[in-house]
N, C-alpha and C. Protein backbone atom coordinates (compact mmCIF):
# COMPACT_ATOMS: atom_id res chain seq x y z
N UNK A 1 -44.26 6.83 -23.96
CA UNK A 1 -44.33 7.07 -22.42
C UNK A 1 -43.03 6.13 -22.27
N UNK A 2 -42.93 4.96 -22.79
CA UNK A 2 -41.94 4.15 -22.46
C UNK A 2 -40.63 4.73 -22.62
N UNK A 3 -40.26 5.22 -23.66
CA UNK A 3 -39.45 6.07 -23.68
C UNK A 3 -38.57 7.12 -22.71
N UNK A 4 -40.21 7.86 -22.42
CA UNK A 4 -39.68 8.97 -21.01
C UNK A 4 -39.42 8.41 -19.65
N UNK A 5 -39.77 7.20 -19.69
CA UNK A 5 -39.33 6.01 -18.54
C UNK A 5 -38.16 6.01 -18.11
N UNK A 6 -37.12 5.24 -19.60
CA UNK A 6 -36.33 4.77 -19.85
C UNK A 6 -35.76 6.17 -19.65
N UNK A 7 -35.34 7.39 -20.06
CA UNK A 7 -35.26 8.08 -20.28
C UNK A 7 -34.55 8.80 -18.29
N UNK A 8 -36.28 8.88 -17.78
CA UNK A 8 -36.19 9.14 -16.28
C UNK A 8 -35.19 8.59 -15.41
N UNK A 9 -35.16 7.03 -15.58
CA UNK A 9 -34.48 6.24 -15.30
C UNK A 9 -33.13 6.44 -15.75
N UNK A 10 -32.68 6.56 -17.07
CA UNK A 10 -31.16 6.40 -17.24
C UNK A 10 -30.41 7.78 -16.43
N UNK A 11 -31.28 8.88 -16.12
CA UNK A 11 -31.06 9.79 -15.62
C UNK A 11 -30.79 10.27 -14.52
N UNK A 12 -31.64 9.17 -13.56
CA UNK A 12 -31.93 8.55 -12.44
C UNK A 12 -29.80 8.13 -11.62
N UNK A 13 -29.93 6.89 -12.57
CA UNK A 13 -28.90 6.42 -12.66
C UNK A 13 -27.49 7.07 -12.76
N UNK A 14 -27.87 7.68 -13.70
CA UNK A 14 -26.23 8.85 -13.97
C UNK A 14 -26.19 9.55 -12.86
N UNK A 15 -27.33 10.12 -12.53
CA UNK A 15 -26.75 10.77 -11.04
C UNK A 15 -26.48 10.99 -10.12
N UNK A 16 -27.27 9.10 -9.26
CA UNK A 16 -26.33 8.47 -8.50
C UNK A 16 -25.06 8.32 -8.60
N UNK A 17 -24.42 7.59 -9.79
CA UNK A 17 -23.52 7.52 -9.99
C UNK A 17 -22.46 8.56 -9.65
N UNK A 18 -22.87 9.74 -10.23
CA UNK A 18 -22.10 10.88 -10.50
C UNK A 18 -21.77 11.80 -8.26
N UNK A 19 -23.01 11.28 -8.00
CA UNK A 19 -22.96 11.29 -6.61
C UNK A 19 -22.23 10.71 -6.05
N UNK A 20 -22.19 9.74 -6.01
CA UNK A 20 -21.37 8.39 -4.83
C UNK A 20 -19.83 9.02 -5.91
N UNK A 21 -19.34 8.87 -7.23
CA UNK A 21 -18.04 9.49 -7.42
C UNK A 21 -17.72 10.61 -6.40
N UNK A 22 -18.44 11.37 -6.58
CA UNK A 22 -18.14 12.87 -5.84
C UNK A 22 -17.96 12.76 -4.33
N UNK A 23 -18.57 11.78 -3.96
CA UNK A 23 -18.78 11.50 -2.65
C UNK A 23 -17.16 10.83 -2.38
N UNK A 24 -16.79 10.15 -3.16
CA UNK A 24 -15.57 9.38 -2.68
C UNK A 24 -14.36 10.18 -3.24
N UNK A 25 -14.31 11.14 -3.94
CA UNK A 25 -13.30 12.00 -4.78
C UNK A 25 -13.12 12.56 -3.46
N UNK A 26 -13.80 13.39 -2.52
CA UNK A 26 -14.28 14.66 -1.56
C UNK A 26 -13.34 13.56 -0.49
N UNK A 27 -13.70 12.30 -0.08
CA UNK A 27 -13.10 11.50 1.02
C UNK A 27 -11.35 11.72 0.85
N UNK A 28 -11.24 11.29 -0.29
CA UNK A 28 -9.74 11.41 -0.65
C UNK A 28 -8.98 12.41 -0.58
N UNK A 29 -9.35 13.21 -1.21
CA UNK A 29 -9.37 14.61 -0.69
C UNK A 29 -8.90 15.18 0.56
N UNK A 30 -9.95 14.31 1.34
CA UNK A 30 -9.71 15.25 2.69
C UNK A 30 -8.75 14.12 3.78
N UNK A 31 -8.84 13.46 3.17
CA UNK A 31 -7.56 12.29 3.54
C UNK A 31 -6.12 12.56 3.12
N UNK A 32 -5.89 13.23 1.68
CA UNK A 32 -4.76 13.44 1.57
C UNK A 32 -4.30 15.17 2.18
N UNK A 33 -5.02 15.75 2.16
CA UNK A 33 -5.06 17.03 2.80
C UNK A 33 -4.36 16.95 3.89
N UNK A 34 -5.10 15.93 4.83
CA UNK A 34 -4.85 15.38 6.68
C UNK A 34 -3.22 14.96 6.40
N UNK A 35 -2.97 13.85 5.71
CA UNK A 35 -1.36 13.45 5.48
C UNK A 35 -0.71 14.51 5.21
N UNK A 36 -0.85 15.16 4.23
CA UNK A 36 -0.14 16.57 3.81
C UNK A 36 0.39 17.22 4.90
N UNK A 37 -0.94 17.87 6.09
CA UNK A 37 -0.42 18.41 6.79
C UNK A 37 0.25 17.82 8.04
N UNK A 38 0.72 16.51 7.90
CA UNK A 38 1.00 15.86 9.19
C UNK A 38 0.67 16.01 10.65
N UNK A 39 -0.51 16.54 10.55
CA UNK A 39 -0.89 17.27 12.10
C UNK A 39 -0.81 15.44 12.67
N UNK A 40 -1.39 13.92 12.38
CA UNK A 40 -1.66 12.73 12.78
C UNK A 40 -0.31 12.48 13.53
N UNK A 41 0.35 12.34 12.63
CA UNK A 41 2.04 11.65 12.43
C UNK A 41 3.00 12.54 13.27
N UNK A 42 2.85 13.58 13.36
CA UNK A 42 3.89 14.19 14.27
C UNK A 42 3.29 15.15 15.54
N UNK A 43 4.02 14.43 16.34
CA UNK A 43 3.46 14.50 17.99
C UNK A 43 3.45 15.82 18.58
N UNK A 44 4.37 16.66 17.65
CA UNK A 44 4.85 18.21 18.68
C UNK A 44 3.63 18.87 18.65
N UNK A 45 2.57 18.83 17.55
CA UNK A 45 1.33 19.82 17.81
C UNK A 45 1.87 20.62 16.56
N UNK A 46 3.10 21.01 16.61
CA UNK A 46 3.31 22.08 15.21
C UNK A 46 3.99 21.28 14.36
N UNK A 47 3.21 21.54 12.73
CA UNK A 47 4.02 20.68 11.74
C UNK A 47 5.83 20.87 11.49
N UNK A 48 5.74 22.02 11.84
CA UNK A 48 7.23 22.59 11.27
C UNK A 48 8.32 21.98 12.22
N UNK A 49 7.94 21.92 13.67
CA UNK A 49 8.86 21.02 14.50
C UNK A 49 9.43 19.64 14.20
N UNK A 50 10.31 19.58 14.36
CA UNK A 50 11.17 17.57 14.21
C UNK A 50 10.95 17.07 15.43
N UNK A 51 10.06 15.56 15.06
CA UNK A 51 9.67 15.00 16.15
C UNK A 51 11.16 13.73 16.61
N UNK A 52 10.91 13.68 17.64
CA UNK A 52 12.71 12.70 18.35
C UNK A 52 13.89 13.30 18.02
N UNK A 53 14.03 14.98 18.51
CA UNK A 53 15.40 15.14 17.63
C UNK A 53 15.10 16.30 18.67
N UNK A 54 17.04 16.74 18.88
CA UNK A 54 16.41 17.82 20.00
C UNK A 54 17.69 18.62 19.59
N UNK A 55 17.73 20.26 19.84
CA UNK A 55 18.95 21.23 20.02
C UNK A 55 20.33 20.92 20.17
N UNK A 56 21.19 20.97 19.41
CA UNK A 56 22.48 20.38 19.95
C UNK A 56 23.41 21.10 19.92
N UNK A 57 24.37 21.41 20.06
CA UNK A 57 26.03 22.12 19.68
C UNK A 57 26.91 21.25 18.82
N UNK A 58 26.64 21.50 17.45
CA UNK A 58 27.97 20.80 16.72
C UNK A 58 29.00 21.57 16.41
N UNK A 59 29.93 20.74 15.91
CA UNK A 59 31.33 21.75 15.56
C UNK A 59 31.25 21.77 14.41
N UNK A 60 31.31 23.00 13.92
CA UNK A 60 31.51 23.63 12.63
C UNK A 60 32.27 22.98 11.50
N UNK A 61 32.87 22.59 10.46
CA UNK A 61 33.77 22.30 9.57
C UNK A 61 34.49 23.70 9.08
N UNK A 62 35.67 23.45 8.76
CA UNK A 62 37.10 22.92 9.53
C UNK A 62 36.99 22.86 11.06
N UNK A 63 37.02 21.85 11.71
CA UNK A 63 36.29 21.38 13.12
C UNK A 63 36.88 22.72 14.09
N UNK A 64 38.53 22.41 13.50
CA UNK A 64 38.93 23.58 15.10
C UNK A 64 39.25 25.03 14.70
N UNK A 65 38.71 25.72 13.63
CA UNK A 65 38.64 26.96 12.54
C UNK A 65 37.43 27.52 13.38
N UNK A 66 35.73 27.25 12.97
CA UNK A 66 34.86 28.00 13.06
C UNK A 66 33.89 27.77 14.42
N UNK A 67 34.53 27.10 15.36
CA UNK A 67 33.59 26.83 16.66
C UNK A 67 32.38 26.11 16.00
N UNK A 68 31.17 26.37 17.01
CA UNK A 68 30.15 25.27 17.37
C UNK A 68 28.82 26.15 16.19
N UNK A 69 27.79 25.14 15.93
CA UNK A 69 26.33 26.25 16.01
C UNK A 69 25.58 25.03 16.74
N UNK A 70 24.20 25.77 16.36
CA UNK A 70 22.80 24.60 17.18
C UNK A 70 22.23 23.97 15.71
N UNK A 71 22.25 22.85 16.04
CA UNK A 71 21.22 21.87 14.99
C UNK A 71 20.65 20.89 15.72
N UNK A 72 19.55 20.69 15.11
CA UNK A 72 18.81 19.73 15.14
C UNK A 72 19.28 18.77 15.17
N UNK A 73 19.19 17.69 16.10
CA UNK A 73 20.16 16.14 15.80
C UNK A 73 18.80 14.95 16.67
N UNK A 74 18.79 14.24 15.40
CA UNK A 74 17.98 13.25 16.02
C UNK A 74 18.44 12.36 16.94
N UNK A 75 17.18 12.26 17.83
CA UNK A 75 17.44 11.17 19.06
C UNK A 75 16.28 10.98 19.49
N UNK A 76 16.88 8.95 18.67
CA UNK A 76 15.60 8.43 18.45
C UNK A 76 15.22 8.13 19.87
N UNK A 77 13.67 7.30 19.95
CA UNK A 77 13.37 6.72 21.41
C UNK A 77 13.30 7.77 22.31
N UNK A 78 13.12 9.26 21.76
CA UNK A 78 13.31 10.54 22.54
C UNK A 78 11.67 11.20 22.04
N UNK A 79 11.03 11.42 22.79
CA UNK A 79 9.72 12.33 22.62
C UNK A 79 10.11 13.85 22.64
N UNK A 80 11.40 14.11 22.42
CA UNK A 80 11.36 15.43 22.55
C UNK A 80 11.23 15.84 20.93
N UNK A 81 10.61 17.45 20.87
CA UNK A 81 10.91 18.25 20.09
C UNK A 81 11.45 19.20 19.72
N UNK A 82 12.27 19.23 18.21
CA UNK A 82 13.02 20.36 18.19
C UNK A 82 12.57 21.80 16.86
N UNK A 83 12.65 22.62 17.34
CA UNK A 83 11.91 23.93 16.35
C UNK A 83 13.02 24.37 15.63
N UNK A 84 12.81 23.99 14.38
CA UNK A 84 13.95 23.98 13.04
C UNK A 84 14.55 25.40 13.28
N UNK A 85 14.18 26.58 13.66
CA UNK A 85 14.33 28.61 14.01
C UNK A 85 15.11 28.42 14.55
N UNK A 86 15.40 27.31 15.67
CA UNK A 86 16.70 27.90 16.90
C UNK A 86 17.88 27.76 16.08
N UNK A 87 17.78 26.69 15.25
CA UNK A 87 19.18 26.44 14.66
C UNK A 87 19.71 27.33 14.00
N UNK A 88 21.24 27.63 14.40
CA UNK A 88 21.95 28.94 13.77
C UNK A 88 23.21 28.18 13.07
N UNK A 89 23.69 29.02 12.30
CA UNK A 89 24.42 28.82 11.10
C UNK A 89 26.09 28.75 11.63
N UNK A 90 26.64 28.22 10.76
CA UNK A 90 28.52 28.19 11.10
C UNK A 90 28.70 29.58 11.06
N UNK A 91 29.47 30.39 11.34
CA UNK A 91 30.29 31.53 10.72
C UNK A 91 31.56 30.95 10.03
N UNK A 92 31.65 31.49 9.03
CA UNK A 92 32.79 31.52 7.93
C UNK A 92 34.03 32.16 8.45
N UNK A 93 35.38 31.74 7.47
CA UNK A 93 36.50 32.06 8.37
C UNK A 93 36.52 34.12 7.72
N UNK A 94 35.49 34.55 7.26
CA UNK A 94 35.98 35.68 7.25
C UNK A 94 34.91 36.74 8.06
N UNK A 95 34.12 36.00 9.12
CA UNK A 95 33.50 36.79 9.92
C UNK A 95 34.11 37.27 11.26
């Protein structure tokens, strides 16, 4: 009888420990997923947009030969968001 009580007590303690560890792991995973999505840290509402930057026309290197292209440029202090999909490439000399 004494052995059964000890066995049941041990199983109950192990089950409680497993439950608490599982809950902690689930909370960590949820926190990590929220951090990876960047939704809380990115004020743009779309995680692909770049916060505090704007789409600007930039000279392509070498400067006088290739014209300009559009690029997301940092604009600190601004609450503007830039969509990287709107950026354009520089044309090559052979285009």
